[in-house]
Amino acid sequence: MTIRRQVNRWVGGVLALGLVLGFAGCDYWPPALQTQIEQLQSELQAATAEKSQLQNQLASVTKAKDDLQIQVDELSRAGRDKSAMIQSLENTVTSLQARLAKSTKASAAKTGSKKPAAKKTNKAPIKKKAIKKSSTAR
């Protein structure tokens, strides 16, 4: 039984050593794996920097979009106001034309005669002198 006790102690020691190494971890990394880890870390840093740059660009584009939307809203509002003003002025012109037509008919009825709408002036036609062109070439 002494051999059996020695084997059990040896197996127990190996198991204990295995557990200690398993929990403590191993600090040895192969050089190729170390290079891959460094490369991945540098790619991660580059990707993080690019992500923050894209987020800044997105924020500025979003701000510009919001500013332009505000301008579009203001211009739409101004367009509606101008359309209402134009409609009001058209209504005013129409009513003034109707009043003018009524007052013209009323004044014509009071005087009993119709006035000519416009005077025609007869102008003598302007005579142009015929310009003779020389047929000789230089």
C-alpha atoms as a PDB file:
ATOM      1  CA  MET A   1       0.000   0.000   0.000  1.00  0.00           C
ATOM      2  CA  THR A   2       2.790   2.373   0.217  1.00  0.00           C
ATOM      3  CA  ILE A   3       3.115   2.502  -3.539  1.00  0.00           C
ATOM      4  CA  ARG A   4      -0.560   3.175  -3.801  1.00  0.00           C
ATOM      5  CA  ARG A   5      -0.278   6.048  -1.346  1.00  0.00           C
ATOM      6  CA  GLN A   6       2.642   7.490  -3.261  1.00  0.00           C
ATOM      7  CA  VAL A   7       0.703   7.284  -6.569  1.00  0.00           C
ATOM      8  CA  ASN A   8      -2.339   8.902  -4.964  1.00  0.00           C
ATOM      9  CA  ARG A   9      -0.205  11.699  -3.567  1.00  0.00           C
ATOM     10  CA  TRP A  10       1.522  12.175  -6.911  1.00  0.00           C
ATOM     11  CA  VAL A  11      -1.839  12.289  -8.790  1.00  0.00           C
ATOM     12  CA  GLY A  12      -3.251  14.638  -6.178  1.00  0.00           C
ATOM     13  CA  GLY A  13      -0.211  16.896  -6.471  1.00  0.00           C
ATOM     14  CA  VAL A  14      -0.499  17.007 -10.265  1.00  0.00           C
ATOM     15  CA  LEU A  15      -4.194  17.809  -9.998  1.00  0.00           C
ATOM     16  CA  ALA A  16      -3.508  20.535  -7.465  1.00  0.00           C
ATOM     17  CA  LEU A  17      -0.769  21.975  -9.657  1.00  0.00           C
ATOM     18  CA  GLY A  18      -3.126  21.835 -12.670  1.00  0.00           C
ATOM     19  CA  LEU A  19      -5.847  23.667 -10.760  1.00  0.00           C
ATOM     20  CA  VAL A  20      -3.423  26.335  -9.558  1.00  0.00           C
ATOM     21  CA  LEU A  21      -2.097  26.901 -13.083  1.00  0.00           C
ATOM     22  CA  GLY A  22      -5.641  26.861 -14.465  1.00  0.00           C
ATOM     23  CA  PHE A  23      -6.830  29.547 -12.100  1.00  0.00           C
ATOM     24  CA  ALA A  24      -3.648  31.622 -12.191  1.00  0.00           C
ATOM     25  CA  GLY A  25      -3.381  31.576 -15.968  1.00  0.00           C
ATOM     26  CA  CYS A  26      -0.342  31.425 -18.161  1.00  0.00           C
ATOM     27  CA  ASP A  27       1.623  34.529 -19.039  1.00  0.00           C
ATOM     28  CA  TYR A  28       3.325  33.035 -22.058  1.00  0.00           C
ATOM     29  CA  TRP A  29       1.999  34.091 -25.436  1.00  0.00           C
ATOM     30  CA  PRO A  30       3.557  32.945 -28.689  1.00  0.00           C
ATOM     31  CA  PRO A  31       5.066  35.833 -30.733  1.00  0.00           C
ATOM     32  CA  ALA A  32       2.699  35.274 -33.690  1.00  0.00           C
ATOM     33  CA  LEU A  33      -0.308  35.458 -31.374  1.00  0.00           C
ATOM     34  CA  GLN A  34       1.134  38.539 -29.670  1.00  0.00           C
ATOM     35  CA  THR A  35       1.503  40.214 -33.104  1.00  0.00           C
ATOM     36  CA  GLN A  36      -2.098  39.370 -34.005  1.00  0.00           C
ATOM     37  CA  ILE A  37      -3.337  40.791 -30.718  1.00  0.00           C
ATOM     38  CA  GLU A  38      -1.415  44.055 -31.263  1.00  0.00           C
ATOM     39  CA  GLN A  39      -2.721  44.295 -34.826  1.00  0.00           C
ATOM     40  CA  LEU A  40      -6.291  43.782 -33.648  1.00  0.00           C
ATOM     41  CA  GLN A  41      -5.833  46.390 -30.939  1.00  0.00           C
ATOM     42  CA  SER A  42      -4.539  48.954 -33.454  1.00  0.00           C
ATOM     43  CA  GLU A  43      -7.448  48.154 -35.818  1.00  0.00           C
ATOM     44  CA  LEU A  44      -9.848  48.598 -32.913  1.00  0.00           C
ATOM     45  CA  GLN A  45      -8.352  52.003 -32.102  1.00  0.00           C
ATOM     46  CA  ALA A  46      -8.578  53.063 -35.767  1.00  0.00           C
ATOM     47  CA  ALA A  47     -12.194  51.874 -35.969  1.00  0.00           C
ATOM     48  CA  THR A  48     -13.049  53.740 -32.767  1.00  0.00           C
ATOM     49  CA  ALA A  49     -11.492  56.956 -34.107  1.00  0.00           C
ATOM     50  CA  GLU A  50     -13.354  56.573 -37.413  1.00  0.00           C
ATOM     51  CA  LYS A  51     -16.599  55.910 -35.553  1.00  0.00           C
ATOM     52  CA  SER A  52     -16.252  59.101 -33.513  1.00  0.00           C
ATOM     53  CA  GLN A  53     -15.411  61.082 -36.678  1.00  0.00           C
ATOM     54  CA  LEU A  54     -18.493  59.695 -38.444  1.00  0.00           C
ATOM     55  CA  GLN A  55     -20.643  60.499 -35.429  1.00  0.00           C
ATOM     56  CA  ASN A  56     -19.382  64.104 -35.519  1.00  0.00           C
ATOM     57  CA  GLN A  57     -20.154  64.318 -39.235  1.00  0.00           C
ATOM     58  CA  LEU A  58     -23.603  62.866 -38.649  1.00  0.00           C
ATOM     59  CA  ALA A  59     -24.264  65.422 -35.936  1.00  0.00           C
ATOM     60  CA  SER A  60     -23.222  68.326 -38.184  1.00  0.00           C
ATOM     61  CA  VAL A  61     -25.296  67.030 -41.117  1.00  0.00           C
ATOM     62  CA  THR A  62     -28.288  66.577 -38.833  1.00  0.00           C
ATOM     63  CA  LYS A  63     -27.892  70.145 -37.555  1.00  0.00           C
ATOM     64  CA  ALA A  64     -27.681  71.460 -41.140  1.00  0.00           C
ATOM     65  CA  LYS A  65     -30.793  69.453 -42.070  1.00  0.00           C
ATOM     66  CA  ASP A  66     -32.690  70.897 -39.116  1.00  0.00           C
ATOM     67  CA  ASP A  67     -31.609  74.434 -40.058  1.00  0.00           C
ATOM     68  CA  LEU A  68     -32.730  73.919 -43.656  1.00  0.00           C
ATOM     69  CA  GLN A  69     -36.053  72.462 -42.484  1.00  0.00           C
ATOM     70  CA  ILE A  70     -36.614  75.565 -40.369  1.00  0.00           C
ATOM     71  CA  GLN A  71     -35.890  77.746 -43.411  1.00  0.00           C
ATOM     72  CA  VAL A  72     -38.299  75.693 -45.553  1.00  0.00           C
ATOM     73  CA  ASP A  73     -41.012  76.079 -42.922  1.00  0.00           C
ATOM     74  CA  GLU A  74     -40.450  79.840 -42.743  1.00  0.00           C
ATOM     75  CA  LEU A  75     -40.519  80.182 -46.532  1.00  0.00           C
ATOM     76  CA  SER A  76     -43.692  78.077 -46.756  1.00  0.00           C
ATOM     77  CA  ARG A  77     -45.339  80.280 -44.144  1.00  0.00           C
ATOM     78  CA  ALA A  78     -44.231  83.420 -46.007  1.00  0.00           C
ATOM     79  CA  GLY A  79     -45.555  81.941 -49.267  1.00  0.00           C
ATOM     80  CA  ARG A  80     -48.947  81.274 -47.686  1.00  0.00           C
ATOM     81  CA  ASP A  81     -49.007  84.822 -46.309  1.00  0.00           C
ATOM     82  CA  LYS A  82     -48.120  86.264 -49.724  1.00  0.00           C
ATOM     83  CA  SER A  83     -50.786  84.115 -51.407  1.00  0.00           C
ATOM     84  CA  ALA A  84     -53.396  85.385 -48.953  1.00  0.00           C
ATOM     85  CA  MET A  85     -52.222  88.960 -49.553  1.00  0.00           C
ATOM     86  CA  ILE A  86     -52.406  88.487 -53.346  1.00  0.00           C
ATOM     87  CA  GLN A  87     -55.910  87.052 -53.070  1.00  0.00           C
ATOM     88  CA  SER A  88     -56.971  89.977 -50.911  1.00  0.00           C
ATOM     89  CA  LEU A  89     -55.506  92.487 -53.378  1.00  0.00           C
ATOM     90  CA  GLU A  90     -57.205  90.722 -56.303  1.00  0.00           C
ATOM     91  CA  ASN A  91     -60.523  90.950 -54.466  1.00  0.00           C
ATOM     92  CA  THR A  92     -59.913  94.638 -53.783  1.00  0.00           C
ATOM     93  CA  VAL A  93     -59.041  95.319 -57.435  1.00  0.00           C
ATOM     94  CA  THR A  94     -62.153  93.466 -58.589  1.00  0.00           C
ATOM     95  CA  SER A  95     -64.388  95.445 -56.243  1.00  0.00           C
ATOM     96  CA  LEU A  96     -62.730  98.740 -57.271  1.00  0.00           C
ATOM     97  CA  GLN A  97     -63.222  97.892 -60.944  1.00  0.00           C
ATOM     98  CA  ALA A  98     -66.892  97.165 -60.287  1.00  0.00           C
ATOM     99  CA  ARG A  99     -67.276 100.473 -58.432  1.00  0.00           C
ATOM    100  CA  LEU A 100     -65.524 102.307 -61.254  1.00  0.00           C
ATOM    101  CA  ALA A 101     -67.810 100.731 -63.832  1.00  0.00           C
ATOM    102  CA  LYS A 102     -70.894 101.685 -61.794  1.00  0.00           C
ATOM    103  CA  SER A 103     -69.696 105.257 -61.279  1.00  0.00           C
ATOM    104  CA  THR A 104     -68.889 105.619 -64.992  1.00  0.00           C
ATOM    105  CA  LYS A 105     -72.382 104.406 -65.941  1.00  0.00           C
ATOM    106  CA  ALA A 106     -73.971 106.661 -63.346  1.00  0.00           C
ATOM    107  CA  SER A 107     -72.084 109.762 -64.506  1.00  0.00           C
ATOM    108  CA  ALA A 108     -72.879 108.964 -68.138  1.00  0.00           C
ATOM    109  CA  ALA A 109     -76.551 108.597 -67.280  1.00  0.00           C
ATOM    110  CA  LYS A 110     -76.547 111.963 -65.465  1.00  0.00           C
ATOM    111  CA  THR A 111     -74.976 113.882 -68.313  1.00  0.00           C
ATOM    112  CA  GLY A 112     -77.096 112.145 -70.911  1.00  0.00           C
ATOM    113  CA  SER A 113     -74.328 111.838 -73.435  1.00  0.00           C
ATOM    114  CA  LYS A 114     -71.571 109.419 -73.861  1.00  0.00           C
ATOM    115  CA  LYS A 115     -68.000 110.581 -73.887  1.00  0.00           C
ATOM    116  CA  PRO A 116     -65.587 109.017 -76.276  1.00  0.00           C
ATOM    117  CA  ALA A 117     -63.337 106.567 -74.558  1.00  0.00           C
ATOM    118  CA  ALA A 118     -60.119 107.907 -76.044  1.00  0.00           C
ATOM    119  CA  LYS A 119     -59.093 110.601 -78.457  1.00  0.00           C
ATOM    120  CA  LYS A 120     -57.508 109.505 -81.659  1.00  0.00           C
ATOM    121  CA  THR A 121     -54.727 111.618 -83.002  1.00  0.00           C
ATOM    122  CA  ASN A 122     -53.893 111.437 -86.643  1.00  0.00           C
ATOM    123  CA  LYS A 123     -50.236 111.776 -87.238  1.00  0.00           C
ATOM    124  CA  ALA A 124     -48.684 112.158 -90.590  1.00  0.00           C
ATOM    125  CA  PRO A 125     -46.633 109.166 -91.615  1.00  0.00           C
ATOM    126  CA  ILE A 126     -42.928 109.699 -91.494  1.00  0.00           C
ATOM    127  CA  LYS A 127     -41.242 109.445 -94.859  1.00  0.00           C
ATOM    128  CA  LYS A 128     -37.951 107.710 -94.940  1.00  0.00           C
ATOM    129  CA  LYS A 129     -35.378 108.585 -97.492  1.00  0.00           C
ATOM    130  CA  ALA A 130     -34.134 105.732 -99.551  1.00  0.00           C
ATOM    131  CA  ILE A 131     -30.454 105.191 -99.012  1.00  0.00           C
ATOM    132  CA  LYS A 132     -28.591 104.214-102.100  1.00  0.00           C
ATOM    133  CA  LYS A 133     -25.965 101.589-101.676  1.00  0.00           C
ATOM    134  CA  SER A 134     -23.049 101.575-103.983  1.00  0.00           C
ATOM    135  CA  SER A 135     -22.630  98.423-105.914  1.00  0.00           C
ATOM    136  CA  THR A 136     -18.903  98.771-106.239  1.00  0.00           C
ATOM    137  CA  ALA A 137     -16.794  96.513-104.112  1.00  0.00           C
ATOM    138  CA  ARG A 138     -13.591  97.626-102.570  1.00  0.00           C
END
